[in-house]
Structure formats: C-alpha cells, structure tokens
Protein backbone atom coordinates (compact mmCIF):
# COMPACT_ATOMS: atom_id res chain seq x y z
CA UNK A 1 -12.06 -50.66 -0.06
CA UNK A 2 -9.23 -50.28 -2.53
CA UNK A 3 -6.51 -47.80 -1.55
CA UNK A 4 -7.14 -45.73 -4.67
CA UNK A 5 -10.69 -45.02 -3.48
CA UNK A 6 -9.89 -45.02 0.23
CA UNK A 7 -7.62 -42.00 -0.08
CA UNK A 8 -10.45 -40.07 -1.68
CA UNK A 9 -12.86 -41.18 1.03
CA UNK A 10 -10.82 -39.41 3.73
CA UNK A 11 -12.27 -36.09 2.63
CA UNK A 12 -15.67 -36.87 1.15
CA UNK A 13 -18.21 -39.62 0.61
CA UNK A 14 -17.41 -41.12 -2.79
CA UNK A 15 -20.33 -42.10 -5.05
CA UNK A 16 -20.59 -45.69 -6.21
CA UNK A 17 -18.04 -46.43 -8.98
CA UNK A 18 -18.93 -47.19 -12.59
CA UNK A 19 -17.22 -49.66 -14.90
CA UNK A 20 -17.36 -48.75 -18.60
CA UNK A 21 -16.43 -51.59 -20.96
CA UNK A 22 -15.97 -51.11 -24.70
CA UNK A 23 -16.19 -54.22 -26.89
CA UNK A 24 -13.91 -54.83 -29.85
CA UNK A 25 -11.00 -56.83 -31.25
CA UNK A 26 -7.37 -56.10 -30.32
CA UNK A 27 -4.61 -55.31 -32.79
CA UNK A 28 -3.97 -52.91 -35.66
CA UNK A 29 -5.73 -55.23 -38.09
CA UNK A 30 -9.10 -54.36 -36.55
CA UNK A 31 -8.54 -50.70 -35.71
CA UNK A 32 -11.14 -48.47 -37.33
CA UNK A 33 -13.50 -51.31 -38.24
CA UNK A 34 -17.22 -51.22 -37.56
CA UNK A 35 -16.96 -53.96 -34.92
CA UNK A 36 -14.52 -51.82 -32.88
CA UNK A 37 -16.62 -48.76 -32.15
CA UNK A 38 -16.89 -49.89 -28.52
CA UNK A 39 -13.12 -49.48 -28.20
CA UNK A 40 -13.36 -46.08 -29.89
CA UNK A 41 -16.02 -44.93 -27.41
CA UNK A 42 -13.75 -45.85 -24.49
CA UNK A 43 -10.84 -44.00 -26.08
CA UNK A 44 -12.96 -40.90 -26.77
CA UNK A 45 -14.24 -40.79 -23.19
CA UNK A 46 -10.81 -41.45 -21.67
CA UNK A 47 -9.26 -38.65 -23.74
CA UNK A 48 -12.05 -36.21 -22.88
CA UNK A 49 -11.57 -36.82 -19.15
CA UNK A 50 -7.78 -37.15 -19.12
CA UNK A 51 -7.89 -40.77 -17.96
CA UNK A 52 -4.80 -42.70 -19.09
CA UNK A 53 -5.41 -46.16 -20.56
CA UNK A 54 -2.00 -47.46 -19.63
CA UNK A 55 -2.40 -50.55 -17.47
CA UNK A 56 -3.47 -54.17 -17.91
CA UNK A 57 -6.15 -55.71 -15.72
CA UNK A 58 -8.20 -58.91 -16.14
CA UNK A 59 -7.24 -59.38 -19.81
CA UNK A 60 -8.09 -55.75 -20.63
CA UNK A 61 -6.38 -52.46 -21.38
CA UNK A 62 -7.48 -50.52 -18.34
CA UNK A 63 -7.71 -47.01 -16.93
CA UNK A 64 -9.21 -45.40 -13.85
CA UNK A 65 -10.03 -41.88 -12.78
CA UNK A 66 -12.69 -39.56 -11.44
CA UNK A 67 -15.33 -37.59 -13.29
CA UNK A 68 -16.21 -34.98 -10.72
CA UNK A 69 -16.49 -37.08 -7.59
CA UNK A 70 -17.55 -40.27 -9.38
CA UNK A 71 -14.92 -43.05 -9.67
CA UNK A 72 -14.80 -44.52 -13.17
CA UNK A 73 -13.03 -47.64 -14.42
CA UNK A 74 -12.50 -48.01 -18.19
CA UNK A 75 -11.71 -51.27 -19.96
CA UNK A 76 -11.07 -52.61 -23.46
CA UNK A 77 -11.03 -56.43 -23.28
CA UNK A 78 -8.15 -57.95 -25.26
CA UNK A 79 -9.75 -61.39 -25.51
CA UNK A 80 -11.24 -60.83 -28.99
CA UNK A 81 -14.90 -59.96 -29.31
CA UNK A 82 -16.43 -63.40 -28.88
CA UNK A 83 -14.76 -63.89 -25.48
CA UNK A 84 -15.36 -60.41 -24.06
CA UNK A 85 -17.00 -61.82 -20.95
CA UNK A 86 -13.73 -63.44 -19.87
CA UNK A 87 -12.53 -59.94 -19.06
CA UNK A 88 -15.76 -58.13 -18.18
CA UNK A 89 -16.99 -60.70 -15.66
CA UNK A 90 -13.79 -60.77 -13.56
CA UNK A 91 -13.51 -56.96 -13.64
CA UNK A 92 -17.02 -56.49 -12.24
CA UNK A 93 -16.33 -59.15 -9.61
CA UNK A 94 -12.95 -57.68 -8.63
CA UNK A 95 -14.48 -54.28 -7.88
CA UNK A 96 -17.60 -55.86 -6.32
CA UNK A 97 -19.86 -53.81 -8.58
CA UNK A 98 -23.57 -54.45 -9.02
CA UNK A 99 -24.30 -55.04 -12.70
CA UNK A 100 -26.38 -51.86 -12.74
CA UNK A 101 -23.02 -50.03 -12.50
CA UNK A 102 -21.41 -51.85 -15.44
CA UNK A 103 -22.05 -50.11 -18.77
CA UNK A 104 -21.08 -51.95 -21.97
CA UNK A 105 -20.47 -50.11 -25.27
CA UNK A 106 -21.01 -52.11 -28.46
CA UNK A 107 -21.73 -51.84 -32.18
CA UNK A 108 -25.27 -52.36 -33.44
CA UNK A 109 -26.27 -53.17 -37.03
CA UNK A 110 -29.96 -52.45 -36.37
CA UNK A 111 -29.33 -48.74 -35.86
CA UNK A 112 -28.34 -46.28 -38.61
CA UNK A 113 -24.69 -45.34 -38.67
CA UNK A 114 -23.94 -42.78 -35.98
CA UNK A 115 -27.19 -43.19 -34.01
CA UNK A 116 -26.87 -44.13 -30.32
CA UNK A 117 -29.18 -45.67 -27.75
CA UNK A 118 -28.72 -45.99 -23.98
CA UNK A 119 -30.59 -48.83 -22.25
CA UNK A 120 -30.54 -50.16 -18.71
CA UNK A 121 -30.87 -53.83 -19.72
CA UNK A 122 -31.61 -56.14 -22.63
CA UNK A 123 -30.65 -59.27 -24.49
CA UNK A 124 -27.67 -59.90 -26.73
CA UNK A 125 -29.46 -59.63 -30.08
CA UNK A 126 -27.06 -62.21 -31.59
CA UNK A 127 -24.10 -59.95 -30.74
CA UNK A 128 -21.45 -62.48 -29.75
CA UNK A 129 -19.54 -60.06 -27.53
CA UNK A 130 -22.67 -59.29 -25.53
CA UNK A 131 -23.54 -62.97 -25.47
CA UNK A 132 -20.18 -63.71 -23.85
CA UNK A 133 -20.65 -60.92 -21.31
CA UNK A 134 -24.08 -62.23 -20.33
CA UNK A 135 -22.68 -65.76 -20.01
CA UNK A 136 -19.95 -64.57 -17.63
CA UNK A 137 -22.55 -62.61 -15.67
CA UNK A 138 -24.21 -66.01 -15.07
CA UNK A 139 -27.03 -65.23 -17.47
CA UNK A 140 -27.88 -61.90 -15.87
CA UNK A 141 -28.94 -59.32 -18.49
CA UNK A 142 -29.66 -56.52 -16.01
CA UNK A 143 -26.74 -54.32 -17.00
CA UNK A 144 -26.85 -51.09 -19.04
CA UNK A 145 -25.44 -50.79 -22.52
CA UNK A 146 -24.69 -48.02 -24.99
CA UNK A 147 -25.57 -49.20 -28.49
CA UNK A 148 -23.60 -47.52 -31.27
CA UNK A 149 -25.26 -47.72 -34.68
CA UNK A 150 -23.02 -48.83 -37.55
CA UNK A 151 -25.70 -49.37 -40.19
CA UNK A 152 -26.61 -52.63 -41.90
CA UNK A 153 -24.77 -54.57 -44.62
CA UNK A 154 -25.66 -53.44 -48.15
CA UNK A 155 -27.38 -55.88 -50.46
CA UNK A 156 -26.30 -59.48 -49.90
CA UNK A 157 -23.05 -58.62 -48.17
CA UNK A 158 -21.93 -61.08 -45.48
CA UNK A 159 -22.57 -59.46 -42.06
CA UNK A 160 -19.22 -60.78 -40.78
CA UNK A 161 -17.37 -59.08 -43.62
CA UNK A 162 -19.34 -55.89 -43.00
CA UNK A 163 -18.39 -55.84 -39.30
CA UNK A 164 -14.70 -56.11 -40.13
CA UNK A 165 -14.86 -53.40 -42.80
CA UNK A 166 -13.46 -49.93 -42.15
CA UNK A 167 -15.77 -46.91 -42.38
CA UNK A 168 -15.90 -44.85 -45.56
CA UNK A 169 -15.49 -41.07 -45.28
CA UNK A 170 -19.18 -40.25 -44.73
CA UNK A 171 -19.68 -43.03 -42.20
CA UNK A 172 -16.47 -42.05 -40.41
CA UNK A 173 -17.75 -38.50 -40.00
CA UNK A 174 -21.00 -39.77 -38.52
CA UNK A 175 -19.21 -42.06 -36.09
CA UNK A 176 -16.86 -39.30 -34.96
CA UNK A 177 -19.88 -37.08 -34.27
CA UNK A 178 -21.59 -39.92 -32.43
CA UNK A 179 -18.56 -40.50 -30.22
CA UNK A 180 -18.70 -36.92 -29.01
CA UNK A 181 -22.44 -37.26 -28.37
CA UNK A 182 -21.65 -40.44 -26.45
CA UNK A 183 -19.11 -38.63 -24.27
CA UNK A 184 -21.76 -36.04 -23.39
CA UNK A 185 -24.28 -38.79 -22.60
CA UNK A 186 -21.82 -40.56 -20.31
CA UNK A 187 -21.03 -37.38 -18.41
CA UNK A 188 -24.76 -36.81 -18.00
CA UNK A 189 -25.20 -40.38 -16.75
CA UNK A 190 -22.48 -39.92 -14.13
CA UNK A 191 -24.07 -36.72 -12.83
CA UNK A 192 -27.79 -37.46 -13.17
CA UNK A 193 -28.04 -41.25 -13.06
CA UNK A 194 -28.94 -43.77 -15.73
CA UNK A 195 -32.74 -43.37 -15.81
CA UNK A 196 -32.86 -39.60 -16.32
CA UNK A 197 -29.90 -39.51 -18.69
CA UNK A 198 -31.26 -42.35 -20.85
CA UNK A 199 -34.67 -40.68 -21.15
CA UNK A 200 -33.17 -37.37 -22.21
CA UNK A 201 -30.48 -38.81 -24.48
CA UNK A 202 -32.69 -41.34 -26.26
CA UNK A 203 -35.23 -38.64 -27.06
CA UNK A 204 -32.54 -36.60 -28.80
CA UNK A 205 -31.24 -39.67 -30.64
CA UNK A 206 -34.74 -40.60 -31.80
CA UNK A 207 -34.92 -37.38 -33.82
CA UNK A 208 -31.46 -38.04 -35.21
CA UNK A 209 -32.58 -41.55 -36.21
CA UNK A 210 -35.45 -40.08 -38.22
CA UNK A 211 -33.09 -37.68 -39.99
CA UNK A 212 -30.44 -40.19 -41.05
CA UNK A 213 -32.17 -43.56 -41.42
CA UNK A 214 -32.57 -43.26 -45.19
CA UNK A 215 -29.36 -41.40 -45.95
CA UNK A 216 -26.58 -43.34 -47.74
CA UNK A 217 -23.18 -44.02 -46.18
C-alpha cells in the first residue's frame, strides 16, 4: 500500500479510498463555462475539506486527503474533455481501485440548471468526456457519476456553442447552490455509502427538479 495510506493504517483500519474525477476543459478560456461544472464541483469539494489541489498526476491536477477516516483522491483531467479517459483510466489503475469507488462529475443538458443526480452506473448519453472514460475503462460502465444539470440550449442554438457558454447571473446562482448541495451529497456518500446516499439525495433533487424545470435562466 502507498506510504501515504500506510502511515494512517498504523493506528486504524482505513476504509477503501474513493477517487473523485471532475470533467472539464483546462485553461482560462473555458473557466466558468457550462461544460466545466465538473471541475467546479471538484474545486468546491476540495475547498470545503481543505484538500489542496497542488500536484500533477496522470495528466490531471490532483489532490488527496481524508474526509473523516476515508481516503479521497481528487482529479481534474487536463487532457481536454474528449480525452478525459486518458487521465481517469490510469488514475484508477494506479490506485488499484474498483470502478465502484471511482465517481465522475459531469455536466448534463437533460437536467434543469442546478439540478443534480447521483447514479451508481449508466451509459455516456453522447457525453464525449464520459464516452472517453468508459473507453479507457475497457467498456465498463459500472462506475458512479454525479450529473450536474446545466439546462438545454434555447431554440435552435448549437449544443456545442451552448456548452462553451458562460452562465448568466440567474444560472450562476443556481449552479453555486447546486455545488454546495453536491458537497453535502459527497460527504453523505463517504459516510453512508453510495446506495443510501443516492436514494436520499435523489429524492430531494426530484422535488427541486419539479420546482425549477419550467423556470427561465
């Protein structure tokens, strides 16, 4: 076992580590865009737990720490969205993690802006970042993901242009609120496990979905 975890193991039995991966595009050009909410979720969680994101590992900006007694690895792949698996796959392999312990955060145009969903598996839904991750997991889709709703393109707007657009004031407020809800969900997951936390969290988000689905952003 890695020295970082071994030192902790001298005193207590350490729970199985989690790897949280936020998907996005690197560089200031893409900061604050709809496609980068996965990065923002990593940053919000890292800040809330005092985990520094100050190293590079497997083509990602990387951080590690403990939430209670649970070891957590945080990563923001710097490969650009469509090649996210080039970082995520090697990270999971390096730490010898089962895919059930690798949670991917990503934007979702099928959910209203600011609505979240936590699932234990699924397809890629034409999301190219997820598609790359699945490819580098050798086609295995049995990994959890936190879907972050960004809303859908208005009218005939090109979805690609929509993804690379920054949030307006109302949408930004909803996303900021959602990030804090996501932090709470992740802490619950680390303490209660994925099944119980997903059931509880998704029920709360279902009511939020009903409240905001027809509101403009």
